[in-house]
C-alpha cells in the first residue's frame, strides 16, 4: 500500500484558510468589541492585531469548543481542577 503525501503548498493553504476562519470566528464572538477597538488603535499590544498569538508549548488543558458542548467544557475544567460538575 502506498500512502499519498500531501503537497506542502496545499497543506499550507489549508492551514491559512483554517486560521483565517478561526481568527474571524474569534473576533465575531468577542462581546466587548475589543478587536474593533484594537484595530482602531485604541488598544495597543492586542493579541491577533499588533501582537502575535503565542501557542502554549505544553497547555494544561485543551478544549475543542467546536466539538464539545459548554457543559462538557465546564466538566473538563472542573475535573482538571478538582471540582465537581
C-alpha atoms as a PDB file:
ATOM      1  CA  UNK A   1       0.000   0.000   0.000  1.00  0.00           C
ATOM      2  CA  UNK A   2       1.335   3.389  -0.951  1.00  0.00           C
ATOM      3  CA  UNK A   3       0.482   6.457   1.098  1.00  0.00           C
ATOM      4  CA  UNK A   4      -0.213   9.720  -0.668  1.00  0.00           C
ATOM      5  CA  UNK A   5       1.831  12.553   0.776  1.00  0.00           C
ATOM      6  CA  UNK A   6       0.008  15.890   0.534  1.00  0.00           C
ATOM      7  CA  UNK A   7       1.632  18.717  -1.344  1.00  0.00           C
ATOM      8  CA  UNK A   8       3.233  21.133   1.185  1.00  0.00           C
ATOM      9  CA  UNK A   9       1.722  24.137  -0.610  1.00  0.00           C
ATOM     10  CA  UNK A  10      -1.723  22.569  -0.355  1.00  0.00           C
ATOM     11  CA  UNK A  11      -1.245  21.928   3.364  1.00  0.00           C
ATOM     12  CA  UNK A  12      -0.084  25.495   3.931  1.00  0.00           C
ATOM     13  CA  UNK A  13      -3.061  26.891   2.036  1.00  0.00           C
ATOM     14  CA  UNK A  14      -5.475  24.724   4.058  1.00  0.00           C
ATOM     15  CA  UNK A  15      -3.833  25.897   7.289  1.00  0.00           C
ATOM     16  CA  UNK A  16      -4.117  29.546   6.240  1.00  0.00           C
ATOM     17  CA  UNK A  17      -7.783  29.079   5.399  1.00  0.00           C
ATOM     18  CA  UNK A  18      -8.459  27.377   8.744  1.00  0.00           C
ATOM     19  CA  UNK A  19      -6.512  30.011  10.693  1.00  0.00           C
ATOM     20  CA  UNK A  20      -8.324  32.821   8.887  1.00  0.00           C
ATOM     21  CA  UNK A  21     -11.699  31.288   9.698  1.00  0.00           C
ATOM     22  CA  UNK A  22     -10.667  30.761  13.313  1.00  0.00           C
ATOM     23  CA  UNK A  23      -9.476  34.349  13.656  1.00  0.00           C
ATOM     24  CA  UNK A  24     -12.707  35.682  12.123  1.00  0.00           C
ATOM     25  CA  UNK A  25     -14.799  33.440  14.378  1.00  0.00           C
ATOM     26  CA  UNK A  26     -12.882  34.629  17.444  1.00  0.00           C
ATOM     27  CA  UNK A  27     -13.285  38.312  16.561  1.00  0.00           C
ATOM     28  CA  UNK A  28     -17.000  37.866  15.929  1.00  0.00           C
ATOM     29  CA  UNK A  29     -17.524  36.164  19.306  1.00  0.00           C
ATOM     30  CA  UNK A  30     -15.784  38.968  21.236  1.00  0.00           C
ATOM     31  CA  UNK A  31     -18.754  40.602  23.010  1.00  0.00           C
ATOM     32  CA  UNK A  32     -16.990  43.765  24.178  1.00  0.00           C
ATOM     33  CA  UNK A  33     -15.727  44.858  20.755  1.00  0.00           C
ATOM     34  CA  UNK A  34     -12.101  44.735  21.855  1.00  0.00           C
ATOM     35  CA  UNK A  35     -10.822  43.615  18.442  1.00  0.00           C
ATOM     36  CA  UNK A  36     -12.542  46.573  16.781  1.00  0.00           C
ATOM     37  CA  UNK A  37     -11.008  48.937  19.340  1.00  0.00           C
ATOM     38  CA  UNK A  38      -7.560  47.390  18.816  1.00  0.00           C
ATOM     39  CA  UNK A  39      -7.864  47.761  15.016  1.00  0.00           C
ATOM     40  CA  UNK A  40      -8.687  51.459  15.534  1.00  0.00           C
ATOM     41  CA  UNK A  41      -5.509  51.777  17.631  1.00  0.00           C
ATOM     42  CA  UNK A  42      -7.320  52.367  20.930  1.00  0.00           C
ATOM     43  CA  UNK A  43      -5.747  49.260  22.497  1.00  0.00           C
ATOM     44  CA  UNK A  44      -2.038  48.539  21.961  1.00  0.00           C
ATOM     45  CA  UNK A  45      -0.278  45.135  22.007  1.00  0.00           C
ATOM     46  CA  UNK A  46      -3.525  43.254  21.444  1.00  0.00           C
ATOM     47  CA  UNK A  47      -3.071  39.572  20.601  1.00  0.00           C
ATOM     48  CA  UNK A  48      -4.005  38.870  16.994  1.00  0.00           C
ATOM     49  CA  UNK A  49      -3.891  42.525  15.915  1.00  0.00           C
ATOM     50  CA  UNK A  50      -0.477  44.058  16.602  1.00  0.00           C
ATOM     51  CA  UNK A  51       0.879  41.373  18.920  1.00  0.00           C
ATOM     52  CA  UNK A  52       1.283  37.759  17.749  1.00  0.00           C
ATOM     53  CA  UNK A  53      -0.557  34.877  19.364  1.00  0.00           C
ATOM     54  CA  UNK A  54       1.893  32.510  21.017  1.00  0.00           C
ATOM     55  CA  UNK A  55       0.585  28.955  21.226  1.00  0.00           C
ATOM     56  CA  UNK A  56       1.441  27.370  24.586  1.00  0.00           C
ATOM     57  CA  UNK A  57       4.096  24.675  24.295  1.00  0.00           C
ATOM     58  CA  UNK A  58       2.508  22.430  26.930  1.00  0.00           C
ATOM     59  CA  UNK A  59      -1.057  23.550  27.641  1.00  0.00           C
ATOM     60  CA  UNK A  60      -2.515  22.375  30.910  1.00  0.00           C
ATOM     61  CA  UNK A  61      -5.888  21.824  29.290  1.00  0.00           C
ATOM     62  CA  UNK A  62      -7.175  21.957  25.717  1.00  0.00           C
ATOM     63  CA  UNK A  63     -10.875  22.271  24.931  1.00  0.00           C
ATOM     64  CA  UNK A  64     -12.186  21.945  21.386  1.00  0.00           C
ATOM     65  CA  UNK A  65     -15.230  24.210  21.630  1.00  0.00           C
ATOM     66  CA  UNK A  66     -16.332  23.188  18.140  1.00  0.00           C
ATOM     67  CA  UNK A  67     -16.706  19.557  19.239  1.00  0.00           C
ATOM     68  CA  UNK A  68     -17.640  19.924  22.916  1.00  0.00           C
ATOM     69  CA  UNK A  69     -20.708  21.498  24.478  1.00  0.00           C
ATOM     70  CA  UNK A  70     -20.418  24.200  27.118  1.00  0.00           C
ATOM     71  CA  UNK A  71     -21.412  21.613  29.725  1.00  0.00           C
ATOM     72  CA  UNK A  72     -18.670  19.222  28.588  1.00  0.00           C
ATOM     73  CA  UNK A  73     -16.074  22.002  28.681  1.00  0.00           C
ATOM     74  CA  UNK A  74     -17.130  23.039  32.188  1.00  0.00           C
ATOM     75  CA  UNK A  75     -16.997  19.420  33.345  1.00  0.00           C
ATOM     76  CA  UNK A  76     -13.455  19.014  31.997  1.00  0.00           C
ATOM     77  CA  UNK A  77     -12.278  22.222  33.660  1.00  0.00           C
ATOM     78  CA  UNK A  78     -13.799  21.164  36.963  1.00  0.00           C
ATOM     79  CA  UNK A  79     -12.326  17.656  36.661  1.00  0.00           C
ATOM     80  CA  UNK A  80      -8.909  19.114  35.960  1.00  0.00           C
ATOM     81  CA  UNK A  81      -9.029  21.468  38.921  1.00  0.00           C
ATOM     82  CA  UNK A  82     -10.654  19.187  41.471  1.00  0.00           C
ATOM     83  CA  UNK A  83     -14.196  20.498  41.278  1.00  0.00           C
ATOM     84  CA  UNK A  84     -17.388  18.604  40.656  1.00  0.00           C
ATOM     85  CA  UNK A  85     -19.500  19.040  37.516  1.00  0.00           C
END
